[in-house]
Amino acid sequence: MAKKLYVGNLSYTTTDDSLRNYFSGFGQVNSAKVIINRDDGRSKGFGFVEMGSEDEASAAIDGTNGKDFEGRQLRVNEAMDRGPRERSW
């Protein structure tokens, strides 16, 4: 079963492809997405990676959390489900 990871403290120059390539060393990467600010098109400094299995996700967390990637020390953990959001308009 696939497992989604939160990846924080990304460099603002990190791309989906560079994130995918980095995590592919720990197993199958189903998807990798850097979250972009819609107002200015810049990275928000975090993203999500979906690994192919729980074992691969655990290996990725162990192998990347606190490690340097593109000049930044990553924060990697299991992604939490996002609850319902309130509209603020």
PDB file of N, CA and C in Angstrom:
ATOM      1  N   MET A   1       0.843  -1.184   0.000  1.00  0.00           N
ATOM      2  CA  MET A   1       0.000   0.000   0.000  1.00  0.00           C
ATOM      3  C   MET A   1       0.891   1.250   0.000  1.00  0.00           C
ATOM      4  N   ALA A   2       0.546   2.209  -0.825  1.00  0.00           N
ATOM      5  CA  ALA A   2       1.325   3.443  -0.942  1.00  0.00           C
ATOM      6  C   ALA A   2       1.222   4.266   0.342  1.00  0.00           C
ATOM      7  N   LYS A   3       2.269   5.030   0.606  1.00  0.00           N
ATOM      8  CA  LYS A   3       2.325   5.861   1.808  1.00  0.00           C
ATOM      9  C   LYS A   3       2.802   7.244   1.420  1.00  0.00           C
ATOM     10  N   LYS A   4       2.079   8.277   1.870  1.00  0.00           N
ATOM     11  CA  LYS A   4       2.416   9.657   1.533  1.00  0.00           C
ATOM     12  C   LYS A   4       3.255  10.270   2.645  1.00  0.00           C
ATOM     13  N   LEU A   5       4.320  10.971   2.242  1.00  0.00           N
ATOM     14  CA  LEU A   5       5.231  11.623   3.170  1.00  0.00           C
ATOM     15  C   LEU A   5       5.175  13.136   3.003  1.00  0.00           C
ATOM     16  N   TYR A   6       5.284  13.839   4.119  1.00  0.00           N
ATOM     17  CA  TYR A   6       5.445  15.292   4.117  1.00  0.00           C
ATOM     18  C   TYR A   6       6.939  15.567   4.105  1.00  0.00           C
ATOM     19  N   VAL A   7       7.378  16.480   3.254  1.00  0.00           N
ATOM     20  CA  VAL A   7       8.789  16.859   3.174  1.00  0.00           C
ATOM     21  C   VAL A   7       8.875  18.364   3.368  1.00  0.00           C
ATOM     22  N   GLY A   8       9.435  18.784   4.495  1.00  0.00           N
ATOM     23  CA  GLY A   8       9.518  20.202   4.811  1.00  0.00           C
ATOM     24  C   GLY A   8      10.937  20.727   4.765  1.00  0.00           C
ATOM     25  N   ASN A   9      11.037  22.039   4.782  1.00  0.00           N
ATOM     26  CA  ASN A   9      12.296  22.772   4.752  1.00  0.00           C
ATOM     27  C   ASN A   9      13.041  22.577   3.427  1.00  0.00           C
ATOM     28  N   LEU A  10      12.268  22.507   2.343  1.00  0.00           N
ATOM     29  CA  LEU A  10      12.871  22.385   1.017  1.00  0.00           C
ATOM     30  C   LEU A  10      13.458  23.719   0.571  1.00  0.00           C
ATOM     31  N   SER A  11      14.495  23.627  -0.236  1.00  0.00           N
ATOM     32  CA  SER A  11      15.046  24.805  -0.887  1.00  0.00           C
ATOM     33  C   SER A  11      13.990  25.359  -1.838  1.00  0.00           C
ATOM     34  N   TYR A  12      13.973  26.669  -2.016  1.00  0.00           N
ATOM     35  CA  TYR A  12      13.003  27.268  -2.926  1.00  0.00           C
ATOM     36  C   TYR A  12      13.290  26.943  -4.387  1.00  0.00           C
ATOM     37  N   THR A  13      14.438  26.333  -4.664  1.00  0.00           N
ATOM     38  CA  THR A  13      14.774  25.939  -6.030  1.00  0.00           C
ATOM     39  C   THR A  13      14.472  24.462  -6.311  1.00  0.00           C
ATOM     40  N   THR A  14      14.006  23.722  -5.310  1.00  0.00           N
ATOM     41  CA  THR A  14      13.690  22.302  -5.494  1.00  0.00           C
ATOM     42  C   THR A  14      12.525  22.153  -6.465  1.00  0.00           C
ATOM     43  N   THR A  15      12.651  21.180  -7.369  1.00  0.00           N
ATOM     44  CA  THR A  15      11.594  20.893  -8.344  1.00  0.00           C
ATOM     45  C   THR A  15      10.975  19.532  -8.046  1.00  0.00           C
ATOM     46  N   ASP A  16       9.839  19.266  -8.671  1.00  0.00           N
ATOM     47  CA  ASP A  16       9.202  17.952  -8.540  1.00  0.00           C
ATOM     48  C   ASP A  16      10.179  16.848  -8.948  1.00  0.00           C
ATOM     49  N   ASP A  17      10.890  17.069 -10.051  1.00  0.00           N
ATOM     50  CA  ASP A  17      11.815  16.055 -10.565  1.00  0.00           C
ATOM     51  C   ASP A  17      12.990  15.813  -9.624  1.00  0.00           C
ATOM     52  N   SER A  18      13.567  16.878  -9.064  1.00  0.00           N
ATOM     53  CA  SER A  18      14.703  16.676  -8.161  1.00  0.00           C
ATOM     54  C   SER A  18      14.255  15.980  -6.877  1.00  0.00           C
ATOM     55  N   LEU A  19      13.044  16.280  -6.413  1.00  0.00           N
ATOM     56  CA  LEU A  19      12.498  15.616  -5.234  1.00  0.00           C
ATOM     57  C   LEU A  19      12.264  14.127  -5.523  1.00  0.00           C
ATOM     58  N   ARG A  20      11.683  13.845  -6.684  1.00  0.00           N
ATOM     59  CA  ARG A  20      11.437  12.453  -7.096  1.00  0.00           C
ATOM     60  C   ARG A  20      12.764  11.678  -7.195  1.00  0.00           C
ATOM     61  N   ASN A  21      13.763  12.278  -7.820  1.00  0.00           N
ATOM     62  CA  ASN A  21      15.052  11.604  -7.982  1.00  0.00           C
ATOM     63  C   ASN A  21      15.713  11.311  -6.640  1.00  0.00           C
ATOM     64  N   TYR A  22      15.647  12.256  -5.717  1.00  0.00           N
ATOM     65  CA  TYR A  22      16.260  12.063  -4.397  1.00  0.00           C
ATOM     66  C   TYR A  22      15.595  10.913  -3.647  1.00  0.00           C
ATOM     67  N   PHE A  23      14.282  10.872  -3.645  1.00  0.00           N
ATOM     68  CA  PHE A  23      13.569   9.836  -2.898  1.00  0.00           C
ATOM     69  C   PHE A  23      13.566   8.488  -3.605  1.00  0.00           C
ATOM     70  N   SER A  24      13.832   8.452  -4.899  1.00  0.00           N
ATOM     71  CA  SER A  24      13.836   7.179  -5.624  1.00  0.00           C
ATOM     72  C   SER A  24      14.959   6.260  -5.165  1.00  0.00           C
ATOM     73  N   GLY A  25      15.939   6.800  -4.477  1.00  0.00           N
ATOM     74  CA  GLY A  25      16.997   5.964  -3.909  1.00  0.00           C
ATOM     75  C   GLY A  25      16.512   5.082  -2.767  1.00  0.00           C
ATOM     76  N   PHE A  26      15.290   5.320  -2.300  1.00  0.00           N
ATOM     77  CA  PHE A  26      14.738   4.545  -1.183  1.00  0.00           C
ATOM     78  C   PHE A  26      13.594   3.639  -1.603  1.00  0.00           C
ATOM     79  N   GLY A  27      13.257   3.635  -2.893  1.00  0.00           N
ATOM     80  CA  GLY A  27      12.191   2.768  -3.384  1.00  0.00           C
ATOM     81  C   GLY A  27      11.393   3.450  -4.480  1.00  0.00           C
ATOM     82  N   GLN A  28      10.271   2.837  -4.814  1.00  0.00           N
ATOM     83  CA  GLN A  28       9.401   3.352  -5.870  1.00  0.00           C
ATOM     84  C   GLN A  28       8.708   4.629  -5.411  1.00  0.00           C
ATOM     85  N   VAL A  29       8.822   5.673  -6.224  1.00  0.00           N
ATOM     86  CA  VAL A  29       8.140   6.930  -5.949  1.00  0.00           C
ATOM     87  C   VAL A  29       6.955   7.026  -6.902  1.00  0.00           C
ATOM     88  N   ASN A  30       5.740   6.991  -6.335  1.00  0.00           N
ATOM     89  CA  ASN A  30       4.532   7.096  -7.156  1.00  0.00           C
ATOM     90  C   ASN A  30       4.283   8.529  -7.599  1.00  0.00           C
ATOM     91  N   SER A  31       4.604   9.488  -6.726  1.00  0.00           N
ATOM     92  CA  SER A  31       4.443  10.898  -7.075  1.00  0.00           C
ATOM     93  C   SER A  31       5.325  11.742  -6.167  1.00  0.00           C
ATOM     94  N   ALA A  32       5.700  12.907  -6.672  1.00  0.00           N
ATOM     95  CA  ALA A  32       6.473  13.878  -5.901  1.00  0.00           C
ATOM     96  C   ALA A  32       6.006  15.260  -6.331  1.00  0.00           C
ATOM     97  N   LYS A  33       5.611  16.075  -5.357  1.00  0.00           N
ATOM     98  CA  LYS A  33       5.046  17.381  -5.669  1.00  0.00           C
ATOM     99  C   LYS A  33       5.544  18.426  -4.691  1.00  0.00           C
ATOM    100  N   VAL A  34       6.185  19.468  -5.231  1.00  0.00           N
ATOM    101  CA  VAL A  34       6.568  20.645  -4.444  1.00  0.00           C
ATOM    102  C   VAL A  34       5.368  21.583  -4.487  1.00  0.00           C
ATOM    103  N   ILE A  35       4.942  22.075  -3.337  1.00  0.00           N
ATOM    104  CA  ILE A  35       3.783  22.949  -3.264  1.00  0.00           C
ATOM    105  C   ILE A  35       4.201  24.382  -3.634  1.00  0.00           C
ATOM    106  N   ILE A  36       3.447  24.960  -4.558  1.00  0.00           N
ATOM    107  CA  ILE A  36       3.765  26.270  -5.132  1.00  0.00           C
ATOM    108  C   ILE A  36       2.735  27.306  -4.673  1.00  0.00           C
ATOM    109  N   ASN A  37       3.217  28.495  -4.351  1.00  0.00           N
ATOM    110  CA  ASN A  37       2.346  29.606  -3.987  1.00  0.00           C
ATOM    111  C   ASN A  37       1.670  30.104  -5.261  1.00  0.00           C
ATOM    112  N   ARG A  38       0.353  30.109  -5.274  1.00  0.00           N
ATOM    113  CA  ARG A  38      -0.356  30.484  -6.503  1.00  0.00           C
ATOM    114  C   ARG A  38      -0.244  31.972  -6.825  1.00  0.00           C
ATOM    115  N   ASP A  39       0.070  32.787  -5.818  1.00  0.00           N
ATOM    116  CA  ASP A  39       0.169  34.232  -6.066  1.00  0.00           C
ATOM    117  C   ASP A  39       1.445  34.620  -6.803  1.00  0.00           C
ATOM    118  N   ASP A  40       2.585  34.022  -6.407  1.00  0.00           N
ATOM    119  CA  ASP A  40       3.840  34.431  -7.040  1.00  0.00           C
ATOM    120  C   ASP A  40       4.565  33.294  -7.763  1.00  0.00           C
ATOM    121  N   GLY A  41       4.012  32.082  -7.726  1.00  0.00           N
ATOM    122  CA  GLY A  41       4.604  30.966  -8.461  1.00  0.00           C
ATOM    123  C   GLY A  41       5.860  30.383  -7.844  1.00  0.00           C
ATOM    124  N   ARG A  42       6.190  30.800  -6.611  1.00  0.00           N
ATOM    125  CA  ARG A  42       7.387  30.281  -5.930  1.00  0.00           C
ATOM    126  C   ARG A  42       7.016  29.124  -5.020  1.00  0.00           C
ATOM    127  N   SER A  43       7.996  28.303  -4.740  1.00  0.00           N
ATOM    128  CA  SER A  43       7.817  27.189  -3.809  1.00  0.00           C
ATOM    129  C   SER A  43       7.465  27.712  -2.424  1.00  0.00           C
ATOM    130  N   LYS A  44       6.612  26.964  -1.728  1.00  0.00           N
ATOM    131  CA  LYS A  44       6.292  27.290  -0.338  1.00  0.00           C
ATOM    132  C   LYS A  44       7.288  26.650   0.631  1.00  0.00           C
ATOM    133  N   GLY A  45       8.231  25.859   0.106  1.00  0.00           N
ATOM    134  CA  GLY A  45       9.263  25.261   0.950  1.00  0.00           C
ATOM    135  C   GLY A  45       8.884  23.904   1.515  1.00  0.00           C
ATOM    136  N   PHE A  46       7.808  23.322   0.990  1.00  0.00           N
ATOM    137  CA  PHE A  46       7.452  21.968   1.409  1.00  0.00           C
ATOM    138  C   PHE A  46       6.789  21.240   0.252  1.00  0.00           C
ATOM    139  N   GLY A  47       6.675  19.926   0.415  1.00  0.00           N
ATOM    140  CA  GLY A  47       6.054  19.123  -0.627  1.00  0.00           C
ATOM    141  C   GLY A  47       5.635  17.777  -0.085  1.00  0.00           C
ATOM    142  N   PHE A  48       5.187  16.920  -0.995  1.00  0.00           N
ATOM    143  CA  PHE A  48       4.721  15.591  -0.630  1.00  0.00           C
ATOM    144  C   PHE A  48       5.307  14.571  -1.597  1.00  0.00           C
ATOM    145  N   VAL A  49       5.659  13.416  -1.047  1.00  0.00           N
ATOM    146  CA  VAL A  49       6.172  12.307  -1.845  1.00  0.00           C
ATOM    147  C   VAL A  49       5.353  11.085  -1.484  1.00  0.00           C
ATOM    148  N   GLU A  50       4.850  10.387  -2.487  1.00  0.00           N
ATOM    149  CA  GLU A  50       4.123   9.144  -2.245  1.00  0.00           C
ATOM    150  C   GLU A  50       5.013   7.979  -2.628  1.00  0.00           C
ATOM    151  N   MET A  51       5.360   7.192  -1.626  1.00  0.00           N
ATOM    152  CA  MET A  51       6.211   6.024  -1.840  1.00  0.00           C
ATOM    153  C   MET A  51       5.339   4.806  -2.143  1.00  0.00           C
ATOM    154  N   GLY A  52       5.931   3.802  -2.784  1.00  0.00           N
ATOM    155  CA  GLY A  52       5.196   2.630  -3.233  1.00  0.00           C
ATOM    156  C   GLY A  52       4.697   1.717  -2.129  1.00  0.00           C
ATOM    157  N   SER A  53       5.377   1.693  -0.984  1.00  0.00           N
ATOM    158  CA  SER A  53       4.959   0.802   0.110  1.00  0.00           C
ATOM    159  C   SER A  53       5.325   1.422   1.450  1.00  0.00           C
ATOM    160  N   GLU A  54       4.791   0.850   2.508  1.00  0.00           N
ATOM    161  CA  GLU A  54       5.107   1.336   3.857  1.00  0.00           C
ATOM    162  C   GLU A  54       6.579   1.124   4.185  1.00  0.00           C
ATOM    163  N   ASP A  55       7.154  -0.008   3.758  1.00  0.00           N
ATOM    164  CA  ASP A  55       8.573  -0.270   4.016  1.00  0.00           C
ATOM    165  C   ASP A  55       9.462   0.755   3.315  1.00  0.00           C
ATOM    166  N   GLU A  56       9.116   1.084   2.075  1.00  0.00           N
ATOM    167  CA  GLU A  56       9.892   2.089   1.340  1.00  0.00           C
ATOM    168  C   GLU A  56       9.731   3.467   1.985  1.00  0.00           C
ATOM    169  N   ALA A  57       8.532   3.763   2.462  1.00  0.00           N
ATOM    170  CA  ALA A  57       8.294   5.044   3.135  1.00  0.00           C
ATOM    171  C   ALA A  57       9.118   5.123   4.414  1.00  0.00           C
ATOM    172  N   SER A  58       9.156   4.055   5.187  1.00  0.00           N
ATOM    173  CA  SER A  58       9.957   4.039   6.419  1.00  0.00           C
ATOM    174  C   SER A  58      11.435   4.220   6.114  1.00  0.00           C
ATOM    175  N   ALA A  59      11.910   3.542   5.064  1.00  0.00           N
ATOM    176  CA  ALA A  59      13.315   3.682   4.666  1.00  0.00           C
ATOM    177  C   ALA A  59      13.602   5.114   4.232  1.00  0.00           C
ATOM    178  N   ALA A  60      12.664   5.738   3.517  1.00  0.00           N
ATOM    179  CA  ALA A  60      12.844   7.115   3.061  1.00  0.00           C
ATOM    180  C   ALA A  60      12.878   8.082   4.243  1.00  0.00           C
ATOM    181  N   ILE A  61      11.999   7.884   5.215  1.00  0.00           N
ATOM    182  CA  ILE A  61      11.998   8.744   6.404  1.00  0.00           C
ATOM    183  C   ILE A  61      13.320   8.608   7.137  1.00  0.00           C
ATOM    184  N   ASP A  62      13.731   7.364   7.390  1.00  0.00           N
ATOM    185  CA  ASP A  62      14.991   7.117   8.105  1.00  0.00           C
ATOM    186  C   ASP A  62      16.194   7.678   7.352  1.00  0.00           C
ATOM    187  N   GLY A  63      16.149   7.604   6.024  1.00  0.00           N
ATOM    188  CA  GLY A  63      17.297   8.016   5.217  1.00  0.00           C
ATOM    189  C   GLY A  63      17.353   9.492   4.862  1.00  0.00           C
ATOM    190  N   THR A  64      16.251  10.219   5.063  1.00  0.00           N
ATOM    191  CA  THR A  64      16.237  11.614   4.631  1.00  0.00           C
ATOM    192  C   THR A  64      15.953  12.619   5.741  1.00  0.00           C
ATOM    193  N   ASN A  65      15.241  12.235   6.775  1.00  0.00           N
ATOM    194  CA  ASN A  65      14.885  13.185   7.832  1.00  0.00           C
ATOM    195  C   ASN A  65      16.145  13.700   8.527  1.00  0.00           C
ATOM    196  N   GLY A  66      16.297  15.011   8.537  1.00  0.00           N
ATOM    197  CA  GLY A  66      17.463  15.637   9.149  1.00  0.00           C
ATOM    198  C   GLY A  66      18.685  15.690   8.252  1.00  0.00           C
ATOM    199  N   LYS A  67      18.580  15.132   7.052  1.00  0.00           N
ATOM    200  CA  LYS A  67      19.719  15.115   6.119  1.00  0.00           C
ATOM    201  C   LYS A  67      19.682  16.337   5.201  1.00  0.00           C
ATOM    202  N   ASP A  68      20.863  16.694   4.695  1.00  0.00           N
ATOM    203  CA  ASP A  68      20.997  17.831   3.803  1.00  0.00           C
ATOM    204  C   ASP A  68      20.543  17.459   2.393  1.00  0.00           C
ATOM    205  N   PHE A  69      19.717  18.311   1.807  1.00  0.00           N
ATOM    206  CA  PHE A  69      19.289  18.170   0.414  1.00  0.00           C
ATOM    207  C   PHE A  69      19.225  19.569  -0.181  1.00  0.00           C
ATOM    208  N   GLU A  70      20.043  19.811  -1.176  1.00  0.00           N
ATOM    209  CA  GLU A  70      20.123  21.105  -1.853  1.00  0.00           C
ATOM    210  C   GLU A  70      20.352  22.252  -0.862  1.00  0.00           C
ATOM    211  N   GLY A  71      21.220  21.975   0.126  1.00  0.00           N
ATOM    212  CA  GLY A  71      21.617  23.009   1.074  1.00  0.00           C
ATOM    213  C   GLY A  71      20.679  23.224   2.244  1.00  0.00           C
ATOM    214  N   ARG A  72      19.657  22.400   2.399  1.00  0.00           N
ATOM    215  CA  ARG A  72      18.701  22.541   3.500  1.00  0.00           C
ATOM    216  C   ARG A  72      18.570  21.217   4.233  1.00  0.00           C
ATOM    217  N   GLN A  73      18.356  21.288   5.550  1.00  0.00           N
ATOM    218  CA  GLN A  73      18.162  20.096   6.366  1.00  0.00           C
ATOM    219  C   GLN A  73      16.677  19.731   6.340  1.00  0.00           C
ATOM    220  N   LEU A  74      16.357  18.585   5.724  1.00  0.00           N
ATOM    221  CA  LEU A  74      14.961  18.187   5.511  1.00  0.00           C
ATOM    222  C   LEU A  74      14.268  17.765   6.799  1.00  0.00           C
ATOM    223  N   ARG A  75      12.954  17.998   6.826  1.00  0.00           N
ATOM    224  CA  ARG A  75      12.069  17.444   7.852  1.00  0.00           C
ATOM    225  C   ARG A  75      11.099  16.530   7.113  1.00  0.00           C
ATOM    226  N   VAL A  76      11.188  15.241   7.389  1.00  0.00           N
ATOM    227  CA  VAL A  76      10.372  14.273   6.660  1.00  0.00           C
ATOM    228  C   VAL A  76       9.624  13.403   7.666  1.00  0.00           C
ATOM    229  N   ASN A  77       8.305  13.293   7.464  1.00  0.00           N
ATOM    230  CA  ASN A  77       7.502  12.391   8.277  1.00  0.00           C
ATOM    231  C   ASN A  77       6.263  11.974   7.498  1.00  0.00           C
ATOM    232  N   GLU A  78       5.497  11.089   8.098  1.00  0.00           N
ATOM    233  CA  GLU A  78       4.283  10.622   7.452  1.00  0.00           C
ATOM    234  C   GLU A  78       3.298  11.787   7.338  1.00  0.00           C
ATOM    235  N   ALA A  79       2.710  11.938   6.165  1.00  0.00           N
ATOM    236  CA  ALA A  79       1.739  13.011   5.951  1.00  0.00           C
ATOM    237  C   ALA A  79       0.447  12.689   6.683  1.00  0.00           C
ATOM    238  N   MET A  80      -0.135  13.706   7.274  1.00  0.00           N
ATOM    239  CA  MET A  80      -1.409  13.555   7.967  1.00  0.00           C
ATOM    240  C   MET A  80      -2.545  13.909   7.010  1.00  0.00           C
ATOM    241  N   ASP A  81      -3.687  13.266   7.201  1.00  0.00           N
ATOM    242  CA  ASP A  81      -4.854  13.626   6.403  1.00  0.00           C
ATOM    243  C   ASP A  81      -5.282  15.039   6.735  1.00  0.00           C
ATOM    244  N   ARG A  82      -5.601  15.768   5.719  1.00  0.00           N
ATOM    245  CA  ARG A  82      -6.042  17.145   5.905  1.00  0.00           C
ATOM    246  C   ARG A  82      -7.528  17.141   6.242  1.00  0.00           C
ATOM    247  N   GLY A  83      -7.868  17.797   7.319  1.00  0.00           N
ATOM    248  CA  GLY A  83      -9.262  17.870   7.728  1.00  0.00           C
ATOM    249  C   GLY A  83     -10.033  18.863   6.882  1.00  0.00           C
ATOM    250  N   PRO A  84     -11.319  18.980   7.143  1.00  0.00           N
ATOM    251  CA  PRO A  84     -12.121  19.949   6.387  1.00  0.00           C
ATOM    252  C   PRO A  84     -11.638  21.371   6.647  1.00  0.00           C
ATOM    253  N   ARG A  85     -11.696  22.185   5.606  1.00  0.00           N
ATOM    254  CA  ARG A  85     -11.235  23.574   5.721  1.00  0.00           C
ATOM    255  C   ARG A  85     -12.433  24.502   5.717  1.00  0.00           C
ATOM    256  N   GLU A  86     -12.313  25.556   6.489  1.00  0.00           N
ATOM    257  CA  GLU A  86     -13.350  26.569   6.529  1.00  0.00           C
ATOM    258  C   GLU A  86     -13.078  27.616   5.473  1.00  0.00           C
ATOM    259  N   ARG A  87     -14.098  28.082   4.848  1.00  0.00           N
ATOM    260  CA  ARG A  87     -13.942  29.183   3.885  1.00  0.00           C
ATOM    261  C   ARG A  87     -13.817  30.477   4.645  1.00  0.00           C
ATOM    262  N   SER A  88     -12.926  31.325   4.197  1.00  0.00           N
ATOM    263  CA  SER A  88     -12.683  32.585   4.893  1.00  0.00           C
ATOM    264  C   SER A  88     -13.039  33.794   4.039  1.00  0.00           C
ATOM    265  N   TRP A  89     -14.144  33.724   3.323  1.00  0.00           N
ATOM    266  CA  TRP A  89     -14.530  34.862   2.512  1.00  0.00           C
ATOM    267  C   TRP A  89     -15.828  35.286   2.936  1.00  0.00           C
TER     268      TRP A  89
END
